[in-house]
Each structure stands twice: as C-alpha cells, then as structure tokens.
Amino acid sequence: MLKAVWYGFVFAGCLGSLTVAAHGQQVVHALTGTVSGADDLSKTLIVFQDNGSQGQFKDMTSGKSHVVIDKKIALDSSSSEADKKKGTYVIVFYFGDNDDRTVVALKNLGAGPFTSTEGTVTKFEGKQHSITVQDKSGTEQTFKIAQETVAEGYMGVVDGYKFQASKGDHVRVVGTTANGTATALFMRAM
C-alpha cells in the first residue's frame, strides 16, 4: 500500500513539473514583410507586412532569452544588424499577439524578385515536396518545397518539409524562381 502511495506522489510530481515547463514555452510564428525601420533606443523593429499593414515588434534578436524554435529554422535565420536594414525583405520569427509581439529572429530572403500567391491548395505532395495553389482567377501555380522553405501552420512555424496541407486548404505562398522552377520560400496556412 505504501508503495502505491509513493508511486502516486512521484507521478503527480512529474506531471506538475511538466505543467510548469509547458507554461514557459512560447509558440513562435512567422510572417513576411519589408523592414521599414529599427529604433535602437526603444528596441523596436517596424515591418511593412505583406498583408498591407505596418507591424511593430519588440526586438529580442540581440538578447540571450531562451525560446524554443526548430533547430533547422534557427540555423537558417539570424539576428544580424544587416537583416534589420531598411528595405530588407525578411521572414520575421516572433511570439506574442497583435500589439505585443517580440522578434526572435529574421531570415533575409535576398534581392528577389518574389511572387506572392494566395489561394486554394489543389494538390499537395509531401514526398515529392511540392504544392499546387489555385488563385482567385483560376490560375494554378506549382511550387517546389525546398530545404530553405519555412512554413507557418496552425501550431506555429515549422520547417517547410514538415508542413502539411490538404486539398481545399487556403494558403499563401511567397516564392521565387530558381533555375526555371518556382520555389516556395514561405508558406502560410490561412
């Protein structure tokens, strides 16, 4: 009987410690936009988002705070001052809501040119790493999902290879053309 009570206490202690740890983790999200400015004094970053609005983010990219983010995404992103330069097109990795968002890292997407396609998934091939999207006009475009592709799913940011979409899902894909192939740089479930 004493053994059963002991196991009960151990189980409850383990469960309690997991609950405390779960509250400390932040879900990291991603969006794309152009850096409009950075204020070193107030430690904020201003980004003109692809949705047409301007977002202000607290800047944590130079801090030492611990945030849980996919290792591959963390390796491909940076906190460098060059990525905060006005006019740089980036993926912003952040946590928080609306007016209280904090930048974790940035990923410079380069010089472009870029395409932005919003529409319905007509075909998703996870093993072949491709997604086909039909826009409002009925035009279909197929994008290759590459190693550097980043995706924002329903549970936060993931490596593009881990993104799952089904026929009929509404998505937005930011891409570029490399060697004649349309390649997704960023995908977002809408």
N, C-alpha and C. Protein backbone atom coordinates (compact mmCIF):
# COMPACT_ATOMS: atom_id res chain seq x y z
N MET A 1 0.81 -1.19 0.00
CA MET A 1 0.00 0.00 0.00
C MET A 1 0.86 1.26 0.00
N LEU A 2 1.90 1.25 0.82
CA LEU A 2 2.81 2.39 0.89
C LEU A 2 3.50 2.61 -0.45
N LYS A 3 3.80 1.52 -1.14
CA LYS A 3 4.45 1.59 -2.46
C LYS A 3 3.53 2.29 -3.46
N ALA A 4 2.24 1.99 -3.43
CA ALA A 4 1.27 2.61 -4.35
C ALA A 4 1.15 4.11 -4.09
N VAL A 5 1.16 4.51 -2.82
CA VAL A 5 1.10 5.93 -2.47
C VAL A 5 2.36 6.64 -2.95
N TRP A 6 3.50 6.01 -2.76
CA TRP A 6 4.78 6.58 -3.21
C TRP A 6 4.77 6.81 -4.71
N TYR A 7 4.34 5.80 -5.49
CA TYR A 7 4.26 5.93 -6.94
C TYR A 7 3.29 7.04 -7.33
N GLY A 8 2.22 7.19 -6.59
CA GLY A 8 1.25 8.26 -6.86
C GLY A 8 1.88 9.64 -6.69
N PHE A 9 2.66 9.80 -5.60
CA PHE A 9 3.34 11.08 -5.38
C PHE A 9 4.38 11.37 -6.46
N VAL A 10 5.13 10.37 -6.86
CA VAL A 10 6.14 10.54 -7.92
C VAL A 10 5.46 10.93 -9.22
N PHE A 11 4.39 10.25 -9.57
CA PHE A 11 3.65 10.55 -10.81
C PHE A 11 3.10 11.98 -10.77
N ALA A 12 2.51 12.38 -9.65
CA ALA A 12 1.96 13.73 -9.52
C ALA A 12 3.05 14.78 -9.61
N GLY A 13 4.22 14.49 -9.01
CA GLY A 13 5.34 15.42 -9.10
C GLY A 13 5.83 15.61 -10.51
N CYS A 14 5.94 14.50 -11.24
CA CYS A 14 6.37 14.58 -12.65
C CYS A 14 5.36 15.35 -13.47
N LEU A 15 4.09 15.08 -13.27
CA LEU A 15 3.04 15.76 -14.01
C LEU A 15 3.04 17.25 -13.70
N GLY A 16 3.25 17.59 -12.44
CA GLY A 16 3.30 19.01 -12.04
C GLY A 16 4.47 19.73 -12.67
N SER A 17 5.63 19.09 -12.76
CA SER A 17 6.80 19.75 -13.37
C SER A 17 6.61 19.93 -14.86
N LEU A 18 5.90 19.02 -15.52
CA LEU A 18 5.62 19.19 -16.95
C LEU A 18 4.68 20.37 -17.17
N THR A 19 3.72 20.55 -16.30
CA THR A 19 2.78 21.65 -16.42
C THR A 19 3.51 22.99 -16.29
N VAL A 20 4.43 23.11 -15.34
CA VAL A 20 5.21 24.33 -15.16
C VAL A 20 6.07 24.60 -16.39
N ALA A 21 6.71 23.57 -16.95
CA ALA A 21 7.56 23.74 -18.13
C ALA A 21 6.76 24.16 -19.34
N ALA A 22 5.55 23.65 -19.48
CA ALA A 22 4.73 23.97 -20.64
C ALA A 22 4.34 25.44 -20.66
N HIS A 23 4.15 26.06 -19.49
CA HIS A 23 3.77 27.47 -19.44
C HIS A 23 4.91 28.37 -19.88
N GLY A 24 6.15 27.95 -19.76
CA GLY A 24 7.29 28.78 -20.09
C GLY A 24 7.63 28.82 -21.57
N GLN A 25 7.04 27.95 -22.36
CA GLN A 25 7.37 27.91 -23.78
C GLN A 25 6.46 28.85 -24.56
N GLN A 26 7.05 29.55 -25.51
CA GLN A 26 6.31 30.45 -26.39
C GLN A 26 6.17 29.80 -27.76
N VAL A 27 5.00 29.92 -28.37
CA VAL A 27 4.82 29.43 -29.73
C VAL A 27 5.38 30.49 -30.67
N VAL A 28 6.34 30.08 -31.50
CA VAL A 28 6.96 31.01 -32.44
C VAL A 28 6.18 30.97 -33.76
N HIS A 29 5.84 32.14 -34.27
CA HIS A 29 5.11 32.30 -35.52
C HIS A 29 6.02 32.99 -36.53
N ALA A 30 5.56 33.08 -37.77
CA ALA A 30 6.35 33.75 -38.81
C ALA A 30 5.44 34.50 -39.76
N LEU A 31 5.97 35.58 -40.31
CA LEU A 31 5.30 36.34 -41.37
C LEU A 31 6.37 36.97 -42.25
N THR A 32 5.97 37.45 -43.40
CA THR A 32 6.93 38.09 -44.31
C THR A 32 6.61 39.57 -44.42
N GLY A 33 7.67 40.34 -44.69
CA GLY A 33 7.50 41.77 -44.86
C GLY A 33 8.82 42.46 -45.11
N THR A 34 8.75 43.75 -45.31
CA THR A 34 9.92 44.58 -45.57
C THR A 34 10.21 45.43 -44.35
N VAL A 35 11.46 45.42 -43.91
CA VAL A 35 11.86 46.21 -42.76
C VAL A 35 11.69 47.69 -43.12
N SER A 36 10.89 48.40 -42.30
CA SER A 36 10.66 49.84 -42.51
C SER A 36 11.58 50.68 -41.65
N GLY A 37 12.01 50.12 -40.54
CA GLY A 37 12.89 50.86 -39.65
C GLY A 37 13.16 50.10 -38.38
N ALA A 38 14.18 50.55 -37.68
CA ALA A 38 14.53 49.97 -36.38
C ALA A 38 14.90 51.11 -35.46
N ASP A 39 14.43 51.04 -34.24
CA ASP A 39 14.73 52.06 -33.25
C ASP A 39 15.55 51.41 -32.14
N ASP A 40 16.84 51.72 -32.12
CA ASP A 40 17.73 51.11 -31.13
C ASP A 40 17.41 51.58 -29.71
N LEU A 41 16.91 52.81 -29.58
CA LEU A 41 16.61 53.36 -28.27
C LEU A 41 15.45 52.60 -27.61
N SER A 42 14.36 52.43 -28.34
CA SER A 42 13.19 51.71 -27.78
C SER A 42 13.24 50.21 -28.06
N LYS A 43 14.29 49.77 -28.76
CA LYS A 43 14.48 48.36 -29.11
C LYS A 43 13.24 47.79 -29.81
N THR A 44 12.82 48.49 -30.88
CA THR A 44 11.69 48.02 -31.67
C THR A 44 12.09 47.92 -33.14
N LEU A 45 11.38 47.06 -33.84
CA LEU A 45 11.58 46.85 -35.26
C LEU A 45 10.24 47.09 -35.93
N ILE A 46 10.23 47.88 -36.99
CA ILE A 46 8.99 48.17 -37.71
C ILE A 46 9.07 47.47 -39.06
N VAL A 47 8.01 46.69 -39.37
CA VAL A 47 7.98 45.90 -40.59
C VAL A 47 6.69 46.20 -41.35
N PHE A 48 6.83 46.52 -42.65
CA PHE A 48 5.66 46.65 -43.52
C PHE A 48 5.32 45.24 -43.98
N GLN A 49 4.26 44.68 -43.40
CA GLN A 49 3.89 43.29 -43.63
C GLN A 49 3.26 43.10 -45.00
N ASP A 50 3.35 41.89 -45.51
CA ASP A 50 2.78 41.59 -46.82
C ASP A 50 1.26 41.77 -46.87
N ASN A 51 0.60 41.75 -45.72
CA ASN A 51 -0.85 41.94 -45.71
C ASN A 51 -1.24 43.42 -45.84
N GLY A 52 -0.24 44.30 -45.95
CA GLY A 52 -0.50 45.72 -46.17
C GLY A 52 -0.46 46.56 -44.91
N SER A 53 -0.33 45.94 -43.76
CA SER A 53 -0.28 46.72 -42.52
C SER A 53 1.16 46.84 -42.02
N GLN A 54 1.35 47.81 -41.16
CA GLN A 54 2.67 48.02 -40.58
C GLN A 54 2.66 47.45 -39.18
N GLY A 55 3.64 46.60 -38.88
CA GLY A 55 3.71 45.98 -37.57
C GLY A 55 4.92 46.46 -36.79
N GLN A 56 4.72 46.61 -35.49
CA GLN A 56 5.81 46.98 -34.61
C GLN A 56 6.10 45.80 -33.71
N PHE A 57 7.38 45.46 -33.60
CA PHE A 57 7.81 44.29 -32.83
C PHE A 57 8.88 44.71 -31.84
N LYS A 58 8.80 44.18 -30.63
CA LYS A 58 9.89 44.35 -29.68
C LYS A 58 11.06 43.56 -30.24
N ASP A 59 12.25 44.09 -30.10
CA ASP A 59 13.43 43.45 -30.66
C ASP A 59 14.15 42.62 -29.60
N MET A 60 14.11 41.29 -29.77
CA MET A 60 14.81 40.40 -28.87
C MET A 60 15.95 39.68 -29.59
N THR A 61 16.21 40.05 -30.85
CA THR A 61 17.19 39.31 -31.65
C THR A 61 18.60 39.40 -31.12
N SER A 62 18.90 40.42 -30.32
CA SER A 62 20.26 40.52 -29.78
C SER A 62 20.32 40.07 -28.32
N GLY A 63 19.20 39.64 -27.77
CA GLY A 63 19.15 39.21 -26.38
C GLY A 63 19.58 37.75 -26.20
N LYS A 64 19.64 37.35 -24.97
CA LYS A 64 20.05 35.99 -24.63
C LYS A 64 18.88 35.14 -24.16
N SER A 65 17.64 35.60 -24.35
CA SER A 65 16.48 34.85 -23.88
C SER A 65 16.37 33.53 -24.63
N HIS A 66 15.84 32.54 -23.93
CA HIS A 66 15.70 31.20 -24.49
C HIS A 66 14.29 31.02 -25.05
N VAL A 67 14.20 30.71 -26.33
CA VAL A 67 12.94 30.44 -26.98
C VAL A 67 13.07 29.13 -27.73
N VAL A 68 12.04 28.31 -27.68
CA VAL A 68 12.06 27.03 -28.37
C VAL A 68 11.67 27.25 -29.83
N ILE A 69 12.58 26.91 -30.74
CA ILE A 69 12.34 27.05 -32.17
C ILE A 69 13.05 25.90 -32.87
N ASP A 70 12.48 25.44 -33.97
CA ASP A 70 13.06 24.34 -34.74
C ASP A 70 14.53 24.63 -35.02
N LYS A 71 15.41 23.65 -34.78
CA LYS A 71 16.85 23.86 -34.93
C LYS A 71 17.22 24.26 -36.35
N LYS A 72 16.61 23.64 -37.35
CA LYS A 72 16.93 23.96 -38.74
C LYS A 72 16.56 25.40 -39.06
N ILE A 73 15.41 25.84 -38.59
CA ILE A 73 14.97 27.22 -38.83
C ILE A 73 15.91 28.19 -38.11
N ALA A 74 16.28 27.87 -36.89
CA ALA A 74 17.19 28.73 -36.12
C ALA A 74 18.54 28.87 -36.81
N LEU A 75 19.04 27.80 -37.39
CA LEU A 75 20.33 27.85 -38.09
C LEU A 75 20.26 28.70 -39.35
N ASP A 76 19.09 28.70 -40.02
CA ASP A 76 18.93 29.45 -41.27
C ASP A 76 18.55 30.91 -41.05
N SER A 77 18.25 31.29 -39.80
CA SER A 77 17.87 32.67 -39.52
C SER A 77 19.01 33.36 -38.78
N SER A 78 18.83 34.67 -38.57
CA SER A 78 19.91 35.40 -37.91
C SER A 78 19.35 36.52 -37.07
N SER A 79 20.24 37.14 -36.35
CA SER A 79 19.89 38.34 -35.58
C SER A 79 20.79 39.49 -36.00
N SER A 80 21.41 39.37 -37.16
CA SER A 80 22.40 40.36 -37.58
C SER A 80 21.77 41.71 -37.87
N GLU A 81 22.53 42.74 -37.64
CA GLU A 81 22.07 44.10 -37.91
C GLU A 81 21.80 44.31 -39.40
N ALA A 82 22.49 43.57 -40.26
CA ALA A 82 22.29 43.72 -41.71
C ALA A 82 20.86 43.35 -42.09
N ASP A 83 20.26 42.37 -41.40
CA ASP A 83 18.89 41.97 -41.71
C ASP A 83 17.86 42.97 -41.20
N LYS A 84 18.27 43.90 -40.34
CA LYS A 84 17.37 44.92 -39.81
C LYS A 84 17.44 46.20 -40.64
N LYS A 85 18.23 46.19 -41.70
CA LYS A 85 18.41 47.36 -42.55
C LYS A 85 17.11 47.68 -43.29
N LYS A 86 16.77 48.95 -43.33
CA LYS A 86 15.56 49.40 -44.01
C LYS A 86 15.54 48.90 -45.46
N GLY A 87 14.40 48.34 -45.87
CA GLY A 87 14.23 47.85 -47.23
C GLY A 87 14.54 46.37 -47.41
N THR A 88 15.01 45.69 -46.36
CA THR A 88 15.33 44.27 -46.46
C THR A 88 14.04 43.45 -46.37
N TYR A 89 13.84 42.53 -47.32
CA TYR A 89 12.67 41.66 -47.32
C TYR A 89 13.00 40.43 -46.50
N VAL A 90 12.22 40.18 -45.44
CA VAL A 90 12.57 39.15 -44.47
C VAL A 90 11.37 38.29 -44.06
N ILE A 91 11.70 37.15 -43.48
CA ILE A 91 10.73 36.39 -42.70
C ILE A 91 10.99 36.79 -41.25
N VAL A 92 9.95 37.23 -40.56
CA VAL A 92 10.06 37.63 -39.16
C VAL A 92 9.56 36.48 -38.30
N PHE A 93 10.41 35.99 -37.42
CA PHE A 93 10.02 34.95 -36.46
C PHE A 93 9.72 35.68 -35.15
N TYR A 94 8.54 35.46 -34.60
CA TYR A 94 8.11 36.22 -33.44
C TYR A 94 7.21 35.37 -32.54
N PHE A 95 7.01 35.87 -31.33
CA PHE A 95 5.98 35.31 -30.47
C PHE A 95 5.18 36.46 -29.91
N GLY A 96 3.98 36.17 -29.44
CA GLY A 96 3.09 37.19 -28.90
C GLY A 96 1.93 37.45 -29.82
N ASP A 97 1.07 38.38 -29.40
CA ASP A 97 -0.16 38.69 -30.13
C ASP A 97 -0.21 40.16 -30.51
N ASN A 98 -0.81 40.43 -31.63
CA ASN A 98 -1.14 41.77 -32.13
C ASN A 98 -0.16 42.87 -31.76
N ASP A 99 -0.47 43.64 -30.70
CA ASP A 99 0.36 44.79 -30.34
C ASP A 99 1.51 44.44 -29.40
N ASP A 100 1.61 43.19 -29.02
CA ASP A 100 2.64 42.77 -28.08
C ASP A 100 3.44 41.61 -28.67
N ARG A 101 4.09 41.88 -29.81
CA ARG A 101 4.87 40.83 -30.49
C ARG A 101 6.36 41.11 -30.30
N THR A 102 7.12 40.02 -30.16
CA THR A 102 8.55 40.12 -29.94
C THR A 102 9.28 39.33 -31.01
N VAL A 103 10.23 39.97 -31.70
CA VAL A 103 11.03 39.31 -32.74
C VAL A 103 12.05 38.39 -32.08
N VAL A 104 12.09 37.15 -32.57
CA VAL A 104 13.06 36.16 -32.10
C VAL A 104 14.24 36.12 -33.06
N ALA A 105 13.95 36.14 -34.37
CA ALA A 105 14.99 36.08 -35.39
C ALA A 105 14.42 36.58 -36.71
N LEU A 106 15.31 36.84 -37.66
CA LEU A 106 14.94 37.26 -39.00
C LEU A 106 15.63 36.36 -40.01
N LYS A 107 15.00 36.19 -41.16
CA LYS A 107 15.64 35.47 -42.25
C LYS A 107 15.55 36.36 -43.48
N ASN A 108 16.70 36.82 -43.96
CA ASN A 108 16.77 37.67 -45.14
C ASN A 108 16.47 36.81 -46.36
N LEU A 109 15.47 37.21 -47.16
CA LEU A 109 15.09 36.44 -48.34
C LEU A 109 15.86 36.84 -49.59
N GLY A 110 16.71 37.83 -49.49
CA GLY A 110 17.53 38.21 -50.63
C GLY A 110 16.91 39.31 -51.46
N ALA A 111 17.40 39.41 -52.70
CA ALA A 111 17.03 40.53 -53.56
C ALA A 111 15.76 40.30 -54.37
N GLY A 112 15.34 39.05 -54.53
CA GLY A 112 14.13 38.79 -55.32
C GLY A 112 14.45 38.61 -56.78
N PRO A 113 13.52 38.66 -57.66
CA PRO A 113 12.12 39.03 -57.50
C PRO A 113 11.33 37.93 -56.80
N PHE A 114 10.22 38.36 -56.15
CA PHE A 114 9.38 37.45 -55.39
C PHE A 114 7.98 37.43 -55.97
N THR A 115 7.28 36.32 -55.75
CA THR A 115 5.87 36.22 -56.10
C THR A 115 5.11 35.94 -54.82
N SER A 116 3.87 36.37 -54.78
CA SER A 116 3.00 36.07 -53.65
C SER A 116 1.70 35.55 -54.22
N THR A 117 1.38 34.31 -53.90
CA THR A 117 0.17 33.67 -54.41
C THR A 117 -0.70 33.25 -53.24
N GLU A 118 -1.95 33.68 -53.27
CA GLU A 118 -2.90 33.27 -52.24
C GLU A 118 -4.04 32.54 -52.93
N GLY A 119 -4.39 31.40 -52.37
CA GLY A 119 -5.46 30.63 -52.98
C GLY A 119 -5.71 29.31 -52.28
N THR A 120 -6.28 28.39 -53.05
CA THR A 120 -6.69 27.09 -52.53
C THR A 120 -5.73 26.01 -53.01
N VAL A 121 -5.37 25.12 -52.11
CA VAL A 121 -4.49 24.01 -52.47
C VAL A 121 -5.28 23.04 -53.34
N THR A 122 -4.76 22.75 -54.53
CA THR A 122 -5.38 21.75 -55.40
C THR A 122 -4.61 20.44 -55.37
N LYS A 123 -3.33 20.52 -54.98
CA LYS A 123 -2.51 19.31 -54.91
C LYS A 123 -1.35 19.57 -53.94
N PHE A 124 -1.14 18.62 -53.04
CA PHE A 124 -0.01 18.69 -52.12
C PHE A 124 0.68 17.34 -52.11
N GLU A 125 1.95 17.36 -52.46
CA GLU A 125 2.73 16.12 -52.50
C GLU A 125 3.89 16.24 -51.52
N GLY A 126 3.70 15.68 -50.32
CA GLY A 126 4.71 15.77 -49.28
C GLY A 126 5.99 15.04 -49.64
N LYS A 127 5.89 13.88 -50.24
CA LYS A 127 7.09 13.10 -50.57
C LYS A 127 7.85 13.70 -51.75
N GLN A 128 7.14 14.33 -52.68
CA GLN A 128 7.79 14.98 -53.83
C GLN A 128 8.10 16.44 -53.53
N HIS A 129 7.71 16.91 -52.36
CA HIS A 129 7.98 18.27 -51.90
C HIS A 129 7.46 19.33 -52.88
N SER A 130 6.16 19.31 -53.13
CA SER A 130 5.57 20.34 -53.97
C SER A 130 4.14 20.65 -53.52
N ILE A 131 3.71 21.87 -53.86
CA ILE A 131 2.36 22.31 -53.54
C ILE A 131 1.83 23.08 -54.75
N THR A 132 0.58 22.80 -55.12
CA THR A 132 -0.07 23.49 -56.23
C THR A 132 -1.22 24.31 -55.66
N VAL A 133 -1.24 25.60 -56.01
CA VAL A 133 -2.22 26.54 -55.48
C VAL A 133 -2.98 27.17 -56.63
N GLN A 134 -4.31 27.24 -56.50
CA GLN A 134 -5.15 27.92 -57.48
C GLN A 134 -5.61 29.24 -56.89
N ASP A 135 -5.30 30.35 -57.59
CA ASP A 135 -5.68 31.67 -57.09
C ASP A 135 -7.11 32.02 -57.48
N LYS A 136 -7.57 33.24 -57.15
CA LYS A 136 -8.94 33.68 -57.42
C LYS A 136 -9.30 33.65 -58.89
N SER A 137 -8.30 33.90 -59.75
CA SER A 137 -8.57 33.94 -61.19
C SER A 137 -8.65 32.54 -61.81
N GLY A 138 -8.35 31.50 -61.01
CA GLY A 138 -8.40 30.13 -61.51
C GLY A 138 -7.05 29.62 -62.00
N THR A 139 -6.03 30.47 -61.96
CA THR A 139 -4.69 30.07 -62.39
C THR A 139 -4.03 29.21 -61.32
N GLU A 140 -3.46 28.09 -61.76
CA GLU A 140 -2.75 27.20 -60.84
C GLU A 140 -1.26 27.42 -60.97
N GLN A 141 -0.58 27.39 -59.84
CA GLN A 141 0.87 27.51 -59.84
C GLN A 141 1.42 26.46 -58.88
N THR A 142 2.44 25.75 -59.36
CA THR A 142 3.09 24.72 -58.55
C THR A 142 4.42 25.24 -58.04
N PHE A 143 4.65 25.04 -56.75
CA PHE A 143 5.89 25.47 -56.11
C PHE A 143 6.62 24.26 -55.56
N LYS A 144 7.92 24.25 -55.74
CA LYS A 144 8.78 23.24 -55.14
C LYS A 144 9.00 23.66 -53.68
N ILE A 145 8.92 22.71 -52.76
CA ILE A 145 9.24 22.97 -51.36
C ILE A 145 10.69 22.56 -51.17
N ALA A 146 11.54 23.52 -50.84
CA ALA A 146 12.98 23.28 -50.76
C ALA A 146 13.44 23.20 -49.30
N GLN A 147 14.71 22.89 -49.12
CA GLN A 147 15.28 22.80 -47.77
C GLN A 147 15.15 24.10 -47.00
N GLU A 148 15.22 25.24 -47.69
CA GLU A 148 15.17 26.53 -47.01
C GLU A 148 13.74 27.06 -46.84
N THR A 149 12.73 26.32 -47.29
CA THR A 149 11.34 26.77 -47.17
C THR A 149 10.91 26.77 -45.70
N VAL A 150 10.24 27.85 -45.31
CA VAL A 150 9.70 27.99 -43.96
C VAL A 150 8.18 28.03 -44.08
N ALA A 151 7.48 27.45 -43.12
CA ALA A 151 6.02 27.43 -43.17
C ALA A 151 5.42 27.83 -41.83
N GLU A 152 4.31 28.53 -41.91
CA GLU A 152 3.52 28.89 -40.73
C GLU A 152 2.26 28.05 -40.78
N GLY A 153 2.16 27.09 -39.88
CA GLY A 153 0.99 26.23 -39.82
C GLY A 153 0.05 26.69 -38.73
N TYR A 154 -0.88 25.83 -38.36
CA TYR A 154 -1.85 26.17 -37.34
C TYR A 154 -1.25 26.18 -35.94
N MET A 155 -0.10 25.54 -35.77
CA MET A 155 0.53 25.46 -34.46
C MET A 155 1.86 26.23 -34.41
N GLY A 156 2.06 27.16 -35.33
CA GLY A 156 3.28 27.96 -35.33
C GLY A 156 4.17 27.62 -36.50
N VAL A 157 5.41 28.09 -36.43
CA VAL A 157 6.36 27.96 -37.54
C VAL A 157 6.97 26.56 -37.55
N VAL A 158 7.13 26.01 -38.78
CA VAL A 158 7.76 24.70 -38.96
C VAL A 158 8.65 24.74 -40.19
N ASP A 159 9.54 23.79 -40.26
CA ASP A 159 10.35 23.55 -41.45
C ASP A 159 9.38 23.22 -42.60
N GLY A 160 9.63 23.73 -43.78
CA GLY A 160 8.74 23.50 -44.92
C GLY A 160 8.48 22.04 -45.23
N TYR A 161 9.45 21.17 -44.98
CA TYR A 161 9.26 19.74 -45.21
C TYR A 161 8.25 19.13 -44.24
N LYS A 162 8.02 19.78 -43.10
CA LYS A 162 7.08 19.27 -42.10
C LYS A 162 5.68 19.84 -42.29
N PHE A 163 5.54 20.82 -43.18
CA PHE A 163 4.23 21.46 -43.42
C PHE A 163 3.28 20.45 -44.04
N GLN A 164 2.05 20.45 -43.58
CA GLN A 164 1.03 19.56 -44.12
C GLN A 164 -0.14 20.39 -44.64
N ALA A 165 -0.56 20.12 -45.85
CA ALA A 165 -1.72 20.79 -46.43
C ALA A 165 -2.59 19.76 -47.12
N SER A 166 -3.86 20.04 -47.16
CA SER A 166 -4.82 19.15 -47.82
C SER A 166 -5.51 19.90 -48.94
N LYS A 167 -6.02 19.16 -49.89
CA LYS A 167 -6.76 19.76 -50.99
C LYS A 167 -7.91 20.58 -50.40
N GLY A 168 -8.02 21.83 -50.86
CA GLY A 168 -9.07 22.73 -50.38
C GLY A 168 -8.61 23.70 -49.31
N ASP A 169 -7.44 23.47 -48.70
CA ASP A 169 -6.92 24.41 -47.69
C ASP A 169 -6.59 25.75 -48.35
N HIS A 170 -6.78 26.82 -47.60
CA HIS A 170 -6.45 28.17 -48.09
C HIS A 170 -5.05 28.52 -47.59
N VAL A 171 -4.15 28.88 -48.52
CA VAL A 171 -2.77 29.19 -48.18
C VAL A 171 -2.27 30.42 -48.93
N ARG A 172 -1.16 30.95 -48.44
CA ARG A 172 -0.42 31.99 -49.17
C ARG A 172 1.01 31.50 -49.29
N VAL A 173 1.55 31.63 -50.51
CA VAL A 173 2.91 31.17 -50.77
C VAL A 173 3.72 32.33 -51.33
N VAL A 174 4.85 32.63 -50.67
CA VAL A 174 5.80 33.60 -51.20
C VAL A 174 6.91 32.77 -51.83
N GLY A 175 7.18 33.05 -53.10
CA GLY A 175 8.17 32.25 -53.80
C GLY A 175 9.09 33.07 -54.67
N THR A 176 10.00 32.35 -55.29
CA THR A 176 10.92 32.93 -56.24
C THR A 176 11.17 31.87 -57.30
N THR A 177 11.77 32.27 -58.41
CA THR A 177 12.10 31.30 -59.45
C THR A 177 13.59 31.07 -59.46
N ALA A 178 13.98 29.80 -59.29
CA ALA A 178 15.39 29.42 -59.30
C ALA A 178 15.57 28.33 -60.35
N ASN A 179 16.44 28.57 -61.32
CA ASN A 179 16.71 27.63 -62.41
C ASN A 179 15.43 27.23 -63.15
N GLY A 180 14.53 28.19 -63.33
CA GLY A 180 13.30 27.95 -64.07
C GLY A 180 12.20 27.26 -63.28
N THR A 181 12.42 27.00 -62.00
CA THR A 181 11.44 26.33 -61.15
C THR A 181 10.94 27.28 -60.08
N ALA A 182 9.61 27.38 -59.94
CA ALA A 182 9.04 28.20 -58.88
C ALA A 182 9.28 27.49 -57.55
N THR A 183 9.93 28.18 -56.63
CA THR A 183 10.29 27.59 -55.34
C THR A 183 9.65 28.39 -54.21
N ALA A 184 8.99 27.71 -53.28
CA ALA A 184 8.38 28.35 -52.13
C ALA A 184 9.46 28.73 -51.12
N LEU A 185 9.45 29.99 -50.70
CA LEU A 185 10.34 30.44 -49.63
C LEU A 185 9.59 30.45 -48.30
N PHE A 186 8.28 30.77 -48.37
CA PHE A 186 7.45 30.85 -47.19
C PHE A 186 6.03 30.42 -47.55
N MET A 187 5.45 29.58 -46.71
CA MET A 187 4.05 29.15 -46.90
C MET A 187 3.30 29.42 -45.60
N ARG A 188 2.05 29.86 -45.74
CA ARG A 188 1.24 30.16 -44.55
C ARG A 188 -0.17 29.61 -44.73
N ALA A 189 -0.60 28.82 -43.76
CA ALA A 189 -1.99 28.35 -43.74
C ALA A 189 -2.84 29.54 -43.32
N MET A 190 -3.90 29.78 -44.06
CA MET A 190 -4.75 30.96 -43.78
C MET A 190 -5.99 30.55 -43.01
